[in-house]
């Protein structure tokens, strides 16, 4: 089932940093929300329509236990959009976004003891881009190795409306000293969330609660499959890259998946032997949450952020299996069913530096 979610009020999605009134005064918001937020909203929508089954939540017979999120997208105006990968930059002098080139480098100085053999470089003066998105058409071009793209900036669809408040005593109803706070609320315009999921039955349209303060949103089923064509490989291609469109959590070795040996940077997955040769990784983000039933915080994990890119060389196996194993699938080792770690397969060339 694929639904389109339209906010009806301001929204607040908190990052993983702790926030306690009296200790911190500013709760920073994020957008888009983490997959866990959407996963929880879908489960809540089910129980809201099946209130007699609420006592089964998080039990063995929980009717939502098989829920799986397959894709999370933004709809800006009428375009399905994807976050711009972190190996893309903006020309400082022109309104152009393009992909960095992968080049061989000698005499690399790196804080990572088993450094990667290739670096991403640019020939022009460039700057990083953030909170920008490709349409599905430009995203397919990116995956197939094109260089220049159009993009949409989130600031044109998302507007900050901060909320300032103060805690009141439950006994006296008077304000409590030292407990003023500010929350980053956002109002959307021509922006919707689109979610592709399975193994959960909810009405074809309705309402759900979303984010902090359980703000209302309406949703409807859309009878349109969302799919992005992977890069087209020939039998001689040996290089491919994986692009994360949602954050990924790995059990060990930080940003490196456990199926990659952290010393040799080689690994085997699905019958393919590959070598990690480079990467464009953002700063780690913290994924946490609060367990309402257990009334305690959930475990916190450091996650690889959305847009991160892994460059691989195929050492053994059939190039056609790359798409079957990775494209539009999750590589997250924790919370994969919630939609973490969804990745797409792209192609690239290596420039040999003279």
C-alpha atoms as a PDB file:
ATOM      1  CA  UNK A   1       0.000   0.000   0.000  1.00  0.00           C
ATOM      2  CA  UNK A   2       1.253   3.470  -0.862  1.00  0.00           C
ATOM      3  CA  UNK A   3      -0.184   6.440   0.967  1.00  0.00           C
ATOM      4  CA  UNK A   4       0.214  10.178   0.636  1.00  0.00           C
ATOM      5  CA  UNK A   5       0.320  12.061   3.955  1.00  0.00           C
ATOM      6  CA  UNK A   6      -0.669  15.734   4.070  1.00  0.00           C
ATOM      7  CA  UNK A   7      -0.032  17.662   7.314  1.00  0.00           C
ATOM      8  CA  UNK A   8      -2.973  19.732   8.583  1.00  0.00           C
ATOM      9  CA  UNK A   9      -1.027  21.686  11.176  1.00  0.00           C
ATOM     10  CA  UNK A  10       2.503  22.624  12.123  1.00  0.00           C
ATOM     11  CA  UNK A  11       4.843  19.688  12.709  1.00  0.00           C
ATOM     12  CA  UNK A  12       7.677  18.948  15.065  1.00  0.00           C
ATOM     13  CA  UNK A  13      10.109  16.072  14.588  1.00  0.00           C
ATOM     14  CA  UNK A  14      12.867  15.942  17.169  1.00  0.00           C
ATOM     15  CA  UNK A  15      16.389  14.701  16.604  1.00  0.00           C
ATOM     16  CA  UNK A  16      18.037  12.170  18.918  1.00  0.00           C
ATOM     17  CA  UNK A  17      19.550  14.715  21.298  1.00  0.00           C
ATOM     18  CA  UNK A  18      18.190  14.646  24.873  1.00  0.00           C
ATOM     19  CA  UNK A  19      15.841  17.458  25.866  1.00  0.00           C
ATOM     20  CA  UNK A  20      14.599  18.120  29.391  1.00  0.00           C
ATOM     21  CA  UNK A  21      12.904  21.363  30.301  1.00  0.00           C
ATOM     22  CA  UNK A  22      14.991  23.133  32.894  1.00  0.00           C
ATOM     23  CA  UNK A  23      18.208  21.692  31.459  1.00  0.00           C
ATOM     24  CA  UNK A  24      17.861  22.530  27.762  1.00  0.00           C
ATOM     25  CA  UNK A  25      15.794  25.419  26.452  1.00  0.00           C
ATOM     26  CA  UNK A  26      15.757  24.754  22.702  1.00  0.00           C
ATOM     27  CA  UNK A  27      14.430  21.576  21.108  1.00  0.00           C
ATOM     28  CA  UNK A  28      15.745  21.475  17.550  1.00  0.00           C
ATOM     29  CA  UNK A  29      13.529  20.018  14.877  1.00  0.00           C
ATOM     30  CA  UNK A  30      14.427  17.938  11.826  1.00  0.00           C
ATOM     31  CA  UNK A  31      12.760  17.280   8.503  1.00  0.00           C
ATOM     32  CA  UNK A  32      12.041  14.835   6.981  1.00  0.00           C
ATOM     33  CA  UNK A  33      11.269  12.716  10.062  1.00  0.00           C
ATOM     34  CA  UNK A  34      13.213   9.541  10.778  1.00  0.00           C
ATOM     35  CA  UNK A  35      11.594   6.324   9.474  1.00  0.00           C
ATOM     36  CA  UNK A  36      10.830   5.232  13.060  1.00  0.00           C
ATOM     37  CA  UNK A  37       8.468   8.203  13.425  1.00  0.00           C
ATOM     38  CA  UNK A  38       6.498   7.197  10.344  1.00  0.00           C
ATOM     39  CA  UNK A  39       6.539   3.547  11.409  1.00  0.00           C
ATOM     40  CA  UNK A  40       5.020   4.512  14.753  1.00  0.00           C
ATOM     41  CA  UNK A  41       2.394   6.706  13.075  1.00  0.00           C
ATOM     42  CA  UNK A  42       1.259   3.809  10.871  1.00  0.00           C
ATOM     43  CA  UNK A  43       0.969   1.460  13.843  1.00  0.00           C
ATOM     44  CA  UNK A  44      -0.998   4.086  15.764  1.00  0.00           C
ATOM     45  CA  UNK A  45      -3.315   4.563  12.782  1.00  0.00           C
ATOM     46  CA  UNK A  46      -4.034   0.832  12.762  1.00  0.00           C
ATOM     47  CA  UNK A  47      -4.865   0.676  16.466  1.00  0.00           C
ATOM     48  CA  UNK A  48      -6.971   3.844  16.223  1.00  0.00           C
ATOM     49  CA  UNK A  49      -9.165   1.963  13.741  1.00  0.00           C
ATOM     50  CA  UNK A  50      -9.003  -1.302  15.709  1.00  0.00           C
ATOM     51  CA  UNK A  51      -9.147  -0.099  19.308  1.00  0.00           C
ATOM     52  CA  UNK A  52     -10.234  -3.511  20.589  1.00  0.00           C
ATOM     53  CA  UNK A  53      -6.796  -4.889  19.602  1.00  0.00           C
ATOM     54  CA  UNK A  54      -4.756  -2.245  21.425  1.00  0.00           C
ATOM     55  CA  UNK A  55      -3.954  -4.670  24.249  1.00  0.00           C
ATOM     56  CA  UNK A  56      -2.014  -6.781  21.719  1.00  0.00           C
ATOM     57  CA  UNK A  57       0.519  -4.026  21.006  1.00  0.00           C
ATOM     58  CA  UNK A  58       4.092  -5.332  21.319  1.00  0.00           C
ATOM     59  CA  UNK A  59       2.825  -8.785  22.280  1.00  0.00           C
ATOM     60  CA  UNK A  60       3.382 -12.028  20.338  1.00  0.00           C
ATOM     61  CA  UNK A  61       0.051 -11.627  18.559  1.00  0.00           C
ATOM     62  CA  UNK A  62       0.599  -7.947  17.733  1.00  0.00           C
ATOM     63  CA  UNK A  63      -1.250  -7.446  14.400  1.00  0.00           C
ATOM     64  CA  UNK A  64       1.311  -4.788  13.382  1.00  0.00           C
ATOM     65  CA  UNK A  65       4.443  -6.859  14.042  1.00  0.00           C
ATOM     66  CA  UNK A  66       4.967  -7.688  10.346  1.00  0.00           C
ATOM     67  CA  UNK A  67       4.685  -4.096   9.153  1.00  0.00           C
ATOM     68  CA  UNK A  68       7.494  -3.251   6.750  1.00  0.00           C
ATOM     69  CA  UNK A  69       8.226   0.137   5.206  1.00  0.00           C
ATOM     70  CA  UNK A  70       9.624  -0.239   1.687  1.00  0.00           C
ATOM     71  CA  UNK A  71      10.056   3.394   0.734  1.00  0.00           C
ATOM     72  CA  UNK A  72       9.767   6.936   2.096  1.00  0.00           C
ATOM     73  CA  UNK A  73       9.645   9.917  -0.262  1.00  0.00           C
ATOM     74  CA  UNK A  74       8.816  13.607  -0.362  1.00  0.00           C
ATOM     75  CA  UNK A  75       6.286  14.955  -2.804  1.00  0.00           C
ATOM     76  CA  UNK A  76       7.180  18.544  -3.658  1.00  0.00           C
ATOM     77  CA  UNK A  77       4.431  20.098  -5.773  1.00  0.00           C
ATOM     78  CA  UNK A  78       3.673  17.136  -8.070  1.00  0.00           C
ATOM     79  CA  UNK A  79       7.137  15.522  -8.095  1.00  0.00           C
ATOM     80  CA  UNK A  80       8.258  12.484  -6.117  1.00  0.00           C
ATOM     81  CA  UNK A  81      11.637  13.540  -4.742  1.00  0.00           C
ATOM     82  CA  UNK A  82      14.759  11.975  -3.255  1.00  0.00           C
ATOM     83  CA  UNK A  83      17.454  13.535  -1.062  1.00  0.00           C
ATOM     84  CA  UNK A  84      20.467  14.752  -3.024  1.00  0.00           C
ATOM     85  CA  UNK A  85      23.390  12.324  -2.431  1.00  0.00           C
ATOM     86  CA  UNK A  86      26.366  13.595  -0.455  1.00  0.00           C
ATOM     87  CA  UNK A  87      28.756  13.209  -3.386  1.00  0.00           C
ATOM     88  CA  UNK A  88      26.938  16.047  -5.146  1.00  0.00           C
ATOM     89  CA  UNK A  89      28.014  19.671  -4.805  1.00  0.00           C
ATOM     90  CA  UNK A  90      26.944  23.081  -6.017  1.00  0.00           C
ATOM     91  CA  UNK A  91      29.122  25.311  -8.172  1.00  0.00           C
ATOM     92  CA  UNK A  92      29.765  28.507  -6.199  1.00  0.00           C
ATOM     93  CA  UNK A  93      29.532  30.666  -9.302  1.00  0.00           C
ATOM     94  CA  UNK A  94      26.680  28.940 -11.115  1.00  0.00           C
ATOM     95  CA  UNK A  95      23.310  27.524 -10.190  1.00  0.00           C
ATOM     96  CA  UNK A  96      24.423  24.004 -11.059  1.00  0.00           C
ATOM     97  CA  UNK A  97      24.632  20.824  -9.017  1.00  0.00           C
ATOM     98  CA  UNK A  98      26.913  18.042 -10.175  1.00  0.00           C
ATOM     99  CA  UNK A  99      28.574  14.844  -8.992  1.00  0.00           C
ATOM    100  CA  UNK A 100      32.123  14.787  -7.670  1.00  0.00           C
ATOM    101  CA  UNK A 101      34.670  12.777  -9.643  1.00  0.00           C
ATOM    102  CA  UNK A 102      36.356   9.721  -8.192  1.00  0.00           C
ATOM    103  CA  UNK A 103      40.119   9.842  -8.791  1.00  0.00           C
ATOM    104  CA  UNK A 104      43.072   7.740  -7.763  1.00  0.00           C
ATOM    105  CA  UNK A 105      45.363   9.443  -5.291  1.00  0.00           C
ATOM    106  CA  UNK A 106      48.865   8.733  -4.098  1.00  0.00           C
ATOM    107  CA  UNK A 107      50.346   9.697  -0.749  1.00  0.00           C
ATOM    108  CA  UNK A 108      46.976   9.985   0.974  1.00  0.00           C
ATOM    109  CA  UNK A 109      47.061  11.436   4.490  1.00  0.00           C
ATOM    110  CA  UNK A 110      44.154  10.058   6.501  1.00  0.00           C
ATOM    111  CA  UNK A 111      43.105   9.607  10.118  1.00  0.00           C
ATOM    112  CA  UNK A 112      41.592   6.278   9.109  1.00  0.00           C
ATOM    113  CA  UNK A 113      44.325   3.614   9.452  1.00  0.00           C
ATOM    114  CA  UNK A 114      43.121   1.537   6.501  1.00  0.00           C
ATOM    115  CA  UNK A 115      42.448   4.483   4.227  1.00  0.00           C
ATOM    116  CA  UNK A 116      40.497   4.184   1.031  1.00  0.00           C
ATOM    117  CA  UNK A 117      42.415   4.361  -2.228  1.00  0.00           C
ATOM    118  CA  UNK A 118      40.249   6.890  -4.057  1.00  0.00           C
ATOM    119  CA  UNK A 119      39.116  10.414  -3.265  1.00  0.00           C
ATOM    120  CA  UNK A 120      36.190  12.487  -4.496  1.00  0.00           C
ATOM    121  CA  UNK A 121      37.392  15.702  -6.100  1.00  0.00           C
ATOM    122  CA  UNK A 122      36.116  18.701  -8.033  1.00  0.00           C
ATOM    123  CA  UNK A 123      37.784  20.917 -10.613  1.00  0.00           C
ATOM    124  CA  UNK A 124      35.762  24.012  -9.751  1.00  0.00           C
ATOM    125  CA  UNK A 125      35.048  26.003  -6.597  1.00  0.00           C
ATOM    126  CA  UNK A 126      32.165  24.207  -4.994  1.00  0.00           C
ATOM    127  CA  UNK A 127      30.120  24.058  -1.804  1.00  0.00           C
ATOM    128  CA  UNK A 128      28.074  21.380  -0.124  1.00  0.00           C
ATOM    129  CA  UNK A 129      24.328  21.351  -0.537  1.00  0.00           C
ATOM    130  CA  UNK A 130      21.842  20.499   2.203  1.00  0.00           C
ATOM    131  CA  UNK A 131      18.087  20.149   2.410  1.00  0.00           C
ATOM    132  CA  UNK A 132      17.837  19.798  -1.358  1.00  0.00           C
ATOM    133  CA  UNK A 133      16.103  17.110  -3.375  1.00  0.00           C
ATOM    134  CA  UNK A 134      16.149  15.555  -6.841  1.00  0.00           C
ATOM    135  CA  UNK A 135      12.998  14.660  -8.727  1.00  0.00           C
ATOM    136  CA  UNK A 136      12.723  10.987  -9.605  1.00  0.00           C
ATOM    137  CA  UNK A 137      13.812  11.845 -13.169  1.00  0.00           C
ATOM    138  CA  UNK A 138      17.025  13.565 -12.056  1.00  0.00           C
ATOM    139  CA  UNK A 139      17.668  10.864  -9.468  1.00  0.00           C
ATOM    140  CA  UNK A 140      17.608   8.231 -12.217  1.00  0.00           C
ATOM    141  CA  UNK A 141      20.039  10.365 -14.227  1.00  0.00           C
ATOM    142  CA  UNK A 142      22.330  10.556 -11.207  1.00  0.00           C
ATOM    143  CA  UNK A 143      22.270   6.775 -10.786  1.00  0.00           C
ATOM    144  CA  UNK A 144      23.229   6.353 -14.432  1.00  0.00           C
ATOM    145  CA  UNK A 145      26.287   8.596 -14.154  1.00  0.00           C
ATOM    146  CA  UNK A 146      25.035  11.926 -15.486  1.00  0.00           C
ATOM    147  CA  UNK A 147      26.886  14.979 -14.159  1.00  0.00           C
ATOM    148  CA  UNK A 148      24.525  17.965 -13.921  1.00  0.00           C
ATOM    149  CA  UNK A 149      21.067  18.143 -12.338  1.00  0.00           C
ATOM    150  CA  UNK A 150      18.156  20.362 -11.386  1.00  0.00           C
ATOM    151  CA  UNK A 151      17.104  20.332  -7.763  1.00  0.00           C
ATOM    152  CA  UNK A 152      14.460  21.663  -5.381  1.00  0.00           C
ATOM    153  CA  UNK A 153      15.256  23.407  -2.106  1.00  0.00           C
ATOM    154  CA  UNK A 154      13.253  22.353   0.932  1.00  0.00           C
ATOM    155  CA  UNK A 155      13.160  25.931   2.245  1.00  0.00           C
ATOM    156  CA  UNK A 156      10.614  26.733  -0.463  1.00  0.00           C
ATOM    157  CA  UNK A 157       8.192  24.159   0.963  1.00  0.00           C
ATOM    158  CA  UNK A 158       8.955  24.184   4.703  1.00  0.00           C
ATOM    159  CA  UNK A 159       8.639  27.217   6.961  1.00  0.00           C
ATOM    160  CA  UNK A 160       9.799  27.585  10.535  1.00  0.00           C
ATOM    161  CA  UNK A 161       7.193  28.642  13.125  1.00  0.00           C
ATOM    162  CA  UNK A 162       8.946  28.289  16.493  1.00  0.00           C
ATOM    163  CA  UNK A 163       6.827  27.768  19.575  1.00  0.00           C
ATOM    164  CA  UNK A 164       7.829  29.174  22.950  1.00  0.00           C
ATOM    165  CA  UNK A 165       6.314  27.804  26.150  1.00  0.00           C
ATOM    166  CA  UNK A 166       6.844  27.354  29.861  1.00  0.00           C
ATOM    167  CA  UNK A 167       5.975  24.544  32.254  1.00  0.00           C
ATOM    168  CA  UNK A 168       3.092  24.957  34.672  1.00  0.00           C
ATOM    169  CA  UNK A 169       2.862  23.277  38.053  1.00  0.00           C
ATOM    170  CA  UNK A 170       0.205  20.545  38.160  1.00  0.00           C
ATOM    171  CA  UNK A 171      -0.620  21.528  41.734  1.00  0.00           C
ATOM    172  CA  UNK A 172      -0.772  25.321  41.599  1.00  0.00           C
ATOM    173  CA  UNK A 173      -1.153  25.815  37.825  1.00  0.00           C
ATOM    174  CA  UNK A 174       1.437  28.577  38.081  1.00  0.00           C
ATOM    175  CA  UNK A 175       4.532  28.738  35.912  1.00  0.00           C
ATOM    176  CA  UNK A 176       7.681  27.016  37.131  1.00  0.00           C
ATOM    177  CA  UNK A 177      10.886  29.022  37.280  1.00  0.00           C
ATOM    178  CA  UNK A 178      13.652  28.092  34.852  1.00  0.00           C
ATOM    179  CA  UNK A 179      11.486  25.956  32.583  1.00  0.00           C
ATOM    180  CA  UNK A 180      10.936  28.127  29.540  1.00  0.00           C
ATOM    181  CA  UNK A 181      11.553  26.295  26.268  1.00  0.00           C
ATOM    182  CA  UNK A 182      11.459  26.747  22.518  1.00  0.00           C
ATOM    183  CA  UNK A 183      10.391  24.101  19.992  1.00  0.00           C
ATOM    184  CA  UNK A 184      11.128  24.241  16.256  1.00  0.00           C
ATOM    185  CA  UNK A 185       7.742  23.763  14.600  1.00  0.00           C
ATOM    186  CA  UNK A 186       7.417  23.608  10.804  1.00  0.00           C
ATOM    187  CA  UNK A 187       4.554  24.420   8.486  1.00  0.00           C
ATOM    188  CA  UNK A 188       4.463  22.824   5.057  1.00  0.00           C
ATOM    189  CA  UNK A 189       3.304  24.187   1.716  1.00  0.00           C
ATOM    190  CA  UNK A 190       2.802  21.988  -1.345  1.00  0.00           C
ATOM    191  CA  UNK A 191       4.719  19.257   0.490  1.00  0.00           C
ATOM    192  CA  UNK A 192       3.551  15.752   1.310  1.00  0.00           C
ATOM    193  CA  UNK A 193       5.109  12.576   2.629  1.00  0.00           C
ATOM    194  CA  UNK A 194       4.674   9.417   0.564  1.00  0.00           C
ATOM    195  CA  UNK A 195       5.115   6.027   2.228  1.00  0.00           C
ATOM    196  CA  UNK A 196       5.228   2.590   0.611  1.00  0.00           C
ATOM    197  CA  UNK A 197       4.569  -0.223   3.092  1.00  0.00           C
ATOM    198  CA  UNK A 198       3.221  -3.759   3.362  1.00  0.00           C
ATOM    199  CA  UNK A 199       1.722  -6.205   5.880  1.00  0.00           C
ATOM    200  CA  UNK A 200      -0.602  -3.671   7.499  1.00  0.00           C
ATOM    201  CA  UNK A 201      -4.241  -3.009   6.697  1.00  0.00           C
ATOM    202  CA  UNK A 202      -5.580   0.470   7.318  1.00  0.00           C
ATOM    203  CA  UNK A 203      -8.512   2.277   5.641  1.00  0.00           C
ATOM    204  CA  UNK A 204      -7.954   3.690   2.168  1.00  0.00           C
ATOM    205  CA  UNK A 205      -8.096   7.211   3.593  1.00  0.00           C
ATOM    206  CA  UNK A 206      -8.283   8.778   7.009  1.00  0.00           C
ATOM    207  CA  UNK A 207      -6.326  10.681   9.631  1.00  0.00           C
ATOM    208  CA  UNK A 208      -3.233   9.929  11.686  1.00  0.00           C
ATOM    209  CA  UNK A 209      -1.087  11.566  14.345  1.00  0.00           C
ATOM    210  CA  UNK A 210       2.357  12.668  13.329  1.00  0.00           C
ATOM    211  CA  UNK A 211       5.404  13.778  15.303  1.00  0.00           C
ATOM    212  CA  UNK A 212       5.659  15.721  18.548  1.00  0.00           C
ATOM    213  CA  UNK A 213       2.412  16.842  20.166  1.00  0.00           C
ATOM    214  CA  UNK A 214       0.612  14.312  17.925  1.00  0.00           C
ATOM    215  CA  UNK A 215      -0.298  16.862  15.273  1.00  0.00           C
ATOM    216  CA  UNK A 216      -2.968  15.790  12.807  1.00  0.00           C
ATOM    217  CA  UNK A 217      -2.448  14.777   9.198  1.00  0.00           C
ATOM    218  CA  UNK A 218      -4.688  13.187   6.631  1.00  0.00           C
ATOM    219  CA  UNK A 219      -3.701  10.385   4.324  1.00  0.00           C
ATOM    220  CA  UNK A 220      -5.061   8.623   1.278  1.00  0.00           C
ATOM    221  CA  UNK A 221      -4.100   5.576  -0.724  1.00  0.00           C
ATOM    222  CA  UNK A 222      -2.623   6.397  -4.115  1.00  0.00           C
ATOM    223  CA  UNK A 223      -2.890   3.828  -6.863  1.00  0.00           C
ATOM    224  CA  UNK A 224       0.514   4.535  -8.298  1.00  0.00           C
ATOM    225  CA  UNK A 225       3.612   2.406  -7.984  1.00  0.00           C
ATOM    226  CA  UNK A 226       6.790   4.319  -7.167  1.00  0.00           C
ATOM    227  CA  UNK A 227       9.936   2.810  -8.591  1.00  0.00           C
ATOM    228  CA  UNK A 228      13.275   4.164  -9.741  1.00  0.00           C
ATOM    229  CA  UNK A 229      15.182   2.382 -12.465  1.00  0.00           C
ATOM    230  CA  UNK A 230      18.634   1.264 -11.326  1.00  0.00           C
ATOM    231  CA  UNK A 231      21.787   2.028 -13.237  1.00  0.00           C
ATOM    232  CA  UNK A 232      22.201   0.033 -16.436  1.00  0.00           C
ATOM    233  CA  UNK A 233      25.309  -2.160 -16.330  1.00  0.00           C
ATOM    234  CA  UNK A 234      27.015  -4.152 -19.042  1.00  0.00           C
ATOM    235  CA  UNK A 235      28.826  -7.426 -18.391  1.00  0.00           C
ATOM    236  CA  UNK A 236      32.194  -5.685 -18.199  1.00  0.00           C
ATOM    237  CA  UNK A 237      31.199  -3.185 -15.491  1.00  0.00           C
ATOM    238  CA  UNK A 238      32.885  -3.803 -12.153  1.00  0.00           C
ATOM    239  CA  UNK A 239      32.112  -0.612 -10.237  1.00  0.00           C
ATOM    240  CA  UNK A 240      28.896   0.409  -8.517  1.00  0.00           C
ATOM    241  CA  UNK A 241      27.759   2.654  -5.699  1.00  0.00           C
ATOM    242  CA  UNK A 242      25.020   2.477  -3.087  1.00  0.00           C
ATOM    243  CA  UNK A 243      23.091   5.621  -2.159  1.00  0.00           C
ATOM    244  CA  UNK A 244      21.165   5.763   1.115  1.00  0.00           C
ATOM    245  CA  UNK A 245      17.813   7.556   0.941  1.00  0.00           C
ATOM    246  CA  UNK A 246      17.098   6.853   4.618  1.00  0.00           C
ATOM    247  CA  UNK A 247      19.550   6.581   7.542  1.00  0.00           C
ATOM    248  CA  UNK A 248      21.222   3.195   8.146  1.00  0.00           C
ATOM    249  CA  UNK A 249      22.265   1.612  11.446  1.00  0.00           C
ATOM    250  CA  UNK A 250      25.079  -0.944  11.511  1.00  0.00           C
ATOM    251  CA  UNK A 251      25.803  -3.168  14.490  1.00  0.00           C
ATOM    252  CA  UNK A 252      29.577  -2.723  14.546  1.00  0.00           C
ATOM    253  CA  UNK A 253      32.397  -0.693  12.979  1.00  0.00           C
ATOM    254  CA  UNK A 254      30.452   2.567  12.888  1.00  0.00           C
ATOM    255  CA  UNK A 255      29.715   3.527   9.275  1.00  0.00           C
ATOM    256  CA  UNK A 256      31.003   0.257   7.778  1.00  0.00           C
ATOM    257  CA  UNK A 257      28.497  -2.606   7.334  1.00  0.00           C
ATOM    258  CA  UNK A 258      29.400  -5.752   9.270  1.00  0.00           C
ATOM    259  CA  UNK A 259      29.676  -7.775   6.050  1.00  0.00           C
ATOM    260  CA  UNK A 260      32.678  -5.597   5.120  1.00  0.00           C
ATOM    261  CA  UNK A 261      35.948  -6.493   6.855  1.00  0.00           C
ATOM    262  CA  UNK A 262      37.189  -3.270   8.459  1.00  0.00           C
ATOM    263  CA  UNK A 263      40.841  -4.189   7.793  1.00  0.00           C
ATOM    264  CA  UNK A 264      40.735  -5.382   4.182  1.00  0.00           C
ATOM    265  CA  UNK A 265      37.551  -3.445   3.261  1.00  0.00           C
ATOM    266  CA  UNK A 266      36.415  -6.556   1.383  1.00  0.00           C
ATOM    267  CA  UNK A 267      33.252  -8.528   2.004  1.00  0.00           C
ATOM    268  CA  UNK A 268      30.783 -11.083   0.685  1.00  0.00           C
ATOM    269  CA  UNK A 269      27.026 -10.578   0.441  1.00  0.00           C
ATOM    270  CA  UNK A 270      24.478 -12.558  -1.560  1.00  0.00           C
ATOM    271  CA  UNK A 271      27.211 -14.457  -3.374  1.00  0.00           C
ATOM    272  CA  UNK A 272      29.015 -11.282  -4.440  1.00  0.00           C
ATOM    273  CA  UNK A 273      32.551 -10.465  -3.304  1.00  0.00           C
ATOM    274  CA  UNK A 274      33.126  -6.724  -3.230  1.00  0.00           C
ATOM    275  CA  UNK A 275      35.697  -4.185  -2.067  1.00  0.00           C
ATOM    276  CA  UNK A 276      34.848  -0.807  -0.583  1.00  0.00           C
ATOM    277  CA  UNK A 277      37.054   1.698  -2.409  1.00  0.00           C
ATOM    278  CA  UNK A 278      35.647   5.053  -1.310  1.00  0.00           C
ATOM    279  CA  UNK A 279      32.719   6.708   0.421  1.00  0.00           C
ATOM    280  CA  UNK A 280      30.998  10.032   0.989  1.00  0.00           C
ATOM    281  CA  UNK A 281      29.569   9.833   4.501  1.00  0.00           C
ATOM    282  CA  UNK A 282      27.881  12.548   6.538  1.00  0.00           C
ATOM    283  CA  UNK A 283      28.174  13.127  10.266  1.00  0.00           C
ATOM    284  CA  UNK A 284      26.510  10.397  12.337  1.00  0.00           C
ATOM    285  CA  UNK A 285      23.032  11.055  13.687  1.00  0.00           C
ATOM    286  CA  UNK A 286      21.489   9.634  16.845  1.00  0.00           C
ATOM    287  CA  UNK A 287      18.392   7.463  16.542  1.00  0.00           C
ATOM    288  CA  UNK A 288      16.480   6.979  19.763  1.00  0.00           C
ATOM    289  CA  UNK A 289      12.918   7.364  20.949  1.00  0.00           C
ATOM    290  CA  UNK A 290      10.641   6.661  23.885  1.00  0.00           C
ATOM    291  CA  UNK A 291       8.831   3.399  24.599  1.00  0.00           C
ATOM    292  CA  UNK A 292       5.335   4.437  25.660  1.00  0.00           C
ATOM    293  CA  UNK A 293       4.354   0.972  26.853  1.00  0.00           C
ATOM    294  CA  UNK A 294       7.523   0.414  28.889  1.00  0.00           C
ATOM    295  CA  UNK A 295       7.651   4.099  29.889  1.00  0.00           C
ATOM    296  CA  UNK A 296      11.373   4.397  29.280  1.00  0.00           C
ATOM    297  CA  UNK A 297      13.744   5.610  26.536  1.00  0.00           C
ATOM    298  CA  UNK A 298      14.548   3.241  23.704  1.00  0.00           C
ATOM    299  CA  UNK A 299      18.186   2.300  23.001  1.00  0.00           C
ATOM    300  CA  UNK A 300      20.095   4.988  21.125  1.00  0.00           C
ATOM    301  CA  UNK A 301      22.132   4.186  18.017  1.00  0.00           C
ATOM    302  CA  UNK A 302      24.518   6.164  15.869  1.00  0.00           C
ATOM    303  CA  UNK A 303      23.324   6.016  12.285  1.00  0.00           C
ATOM    304  CA  UNK A 304      24.826   6.803   8.896  1.00  0.00           C
ATOM    305  CA  UNK A 305      22.820   9.793   7.606  1.00  0.00           C
ATOM    306  CA  UNK A 306      20.588  10.033   4.574  1.00  0.00           C
ATOM    307  CA  UNK A 307      22.405  10.732   1.302  1.00  0.00           C
ATOM    308  CA  UNK A 308      25.582   8.852   2.204  1.00  0.00           C
ATOM    309  CA  UNK A 309      27.259   7.047  -0.698  1.00  0.00           C
ATOM    310  CA  UNK A 310      29.397   3.868  -0.729  1.00  0.00           C
ATOM    311  CA  UNK A 311      31.654   3.095  -3.721  1.00  0.00           C
ATOM    312  CA  UNK A 312      32.381  -0.571  -4.439  1.00  0.00           C
ATOM    313  CA  UNK A 313      34.365  -2.667  -6.883  1.00  0.00           C
ATOM    314  CA  UNK A 314      32.994  -6.082  -7.794  1.00  0.00           C
ATOM    315  CA  UNK A 315      35.669  -8.742  -7.236  1.00  0.00           C
ATOM    316  CA  UNK A 316      33.612 -11.895  -7.806  1.00  0.00           C
ATOM    317  CA  UNK A 317      30.066 -12.538  -8.991  1.00  0.00           C
ATOM    318  CA  UNK A 318      27.554 -11.496 -11.627  1.00  0.00           C
ATOM    319  CA  UNK A 319      27.087  -7.756 -12.091  1.00  0.00           C
ATOM    320  CA  UNK A 320      23.344  -8.282 -12.654  1.00  0.00           C
ATOM    321  CA  UNK A 321      22.971  -9.603  -9.103  1.00  0.00           C
ATOM    322  CA  UNK A 322      23.973  -6.216  -7.706  1.00  0.00           C
ATOM    323  CA  UNK A 323      20.577  -4.754  -8.537  1.00  0.00           C
ATOM    324  CA  UNK A 324      18.650  -7.741  -7.146  1.00  0.00           C
ATOM    325  CA  UNK A 325      20.511  -7.640  -3.837  1.00  0.00           C
ATOM    326  CA  UNK A 326      20.662  -3.906  -3.159  1.00  0.00           C
ATOM    327  CA  UNK A 327      18.343  -1.762  -5.283  1.00  0.00           C
ATOM    328  CA  UNK A 328      15.331  -0.423  -3.340  1.00  0.00           C
ATOM    329  CA  UNK A 329      16.225  -2.735  -0.451  1.00  0.00           C
ATOM    330  CA  UNK A 330      17.444  -2.033   3.068  1.00  0.00           C
ATOM    331  CA  UNK A 331      21.055  -2.567   4.133  1.00  0.00           C
ATOM    332  CA  UNK A 332      20.433  -1.388   7.697  1.00  0.00           C
ATOM    333  CA  UNK A 333      21.252  -4.054  10.272  1.00  0.00           C
ATOM    334  CA  UNK A 334      18.890  -2.592  12.876  1.00  0.00           C
ATOM    335  CA  UNK A 335      15.306  -1.424  12.281  1.00  0.00           C
ATOM    336  CA  UNK A 336      15.360  -2.426   8.625  1.00  0.00           C
ATOM    337  CA  UNK A 337      11.623  -3.191   8.814  1.00  0.00           C
ATOM    338  CA  UNK A 338      11.012   0.430   9.839  1.00  0.00           C
ATOM    339  CA  UNK A 339      12.489   1.711   6.593  1.00  0.00           C
ATOM    340  CA  UNK A 340      16.034   2.450   7.721  1.00  0.00           C
ATOM    341  CA  UNK A 341      18.878   1.874   5.257  1.00  0.00           C
ATOM    342  CA  UNK A 342      16.910   1.905   1.992  1.00  0.00           C
ATOM    343  CA  UNK A 343      19.431   2.196  -0.833  1.00  0.00           C
ATOM    344  CA  UNK A 344      19.645   2.560  -4.596  1.00  0.00           C
ATOM    345  CA  UNK A 345      22.269   1.312  -7.036  1.00  0.00           C
ATOM    346  CA  UNK A 346      24.253   3.694  -9.220  1.00  0.00           C
ATOM    347  CA  UNK A 347      27.273   3.504 -11.520  1.00  0.00           C
ATOM    348  CA  UNK A 348      30.445   5.571 -11.739  1.00  0.00           C
ATOM    349  CA  UNK A 349      33.790   5.838 -13.495  1.00  0.00           C
ATOM    350  CA  UNK A 350      37.240   6.253 -11.982  1.00  0.00           C
ATOM    351  CA  UNK A 351      39.540   8.948 -13.340  1.00  0.00           C
ATOM    352  CA  UNK A 352      43.228   8.050 -13.217  1.00  0.00           C
ATOM    353  CA  UNK A 353      45.302  11.033 -12.135  1.00  0.00           C
ATOM    354  CA  UNK A 354      48.407  11.596 -14.215  1.00  0.00           C
END
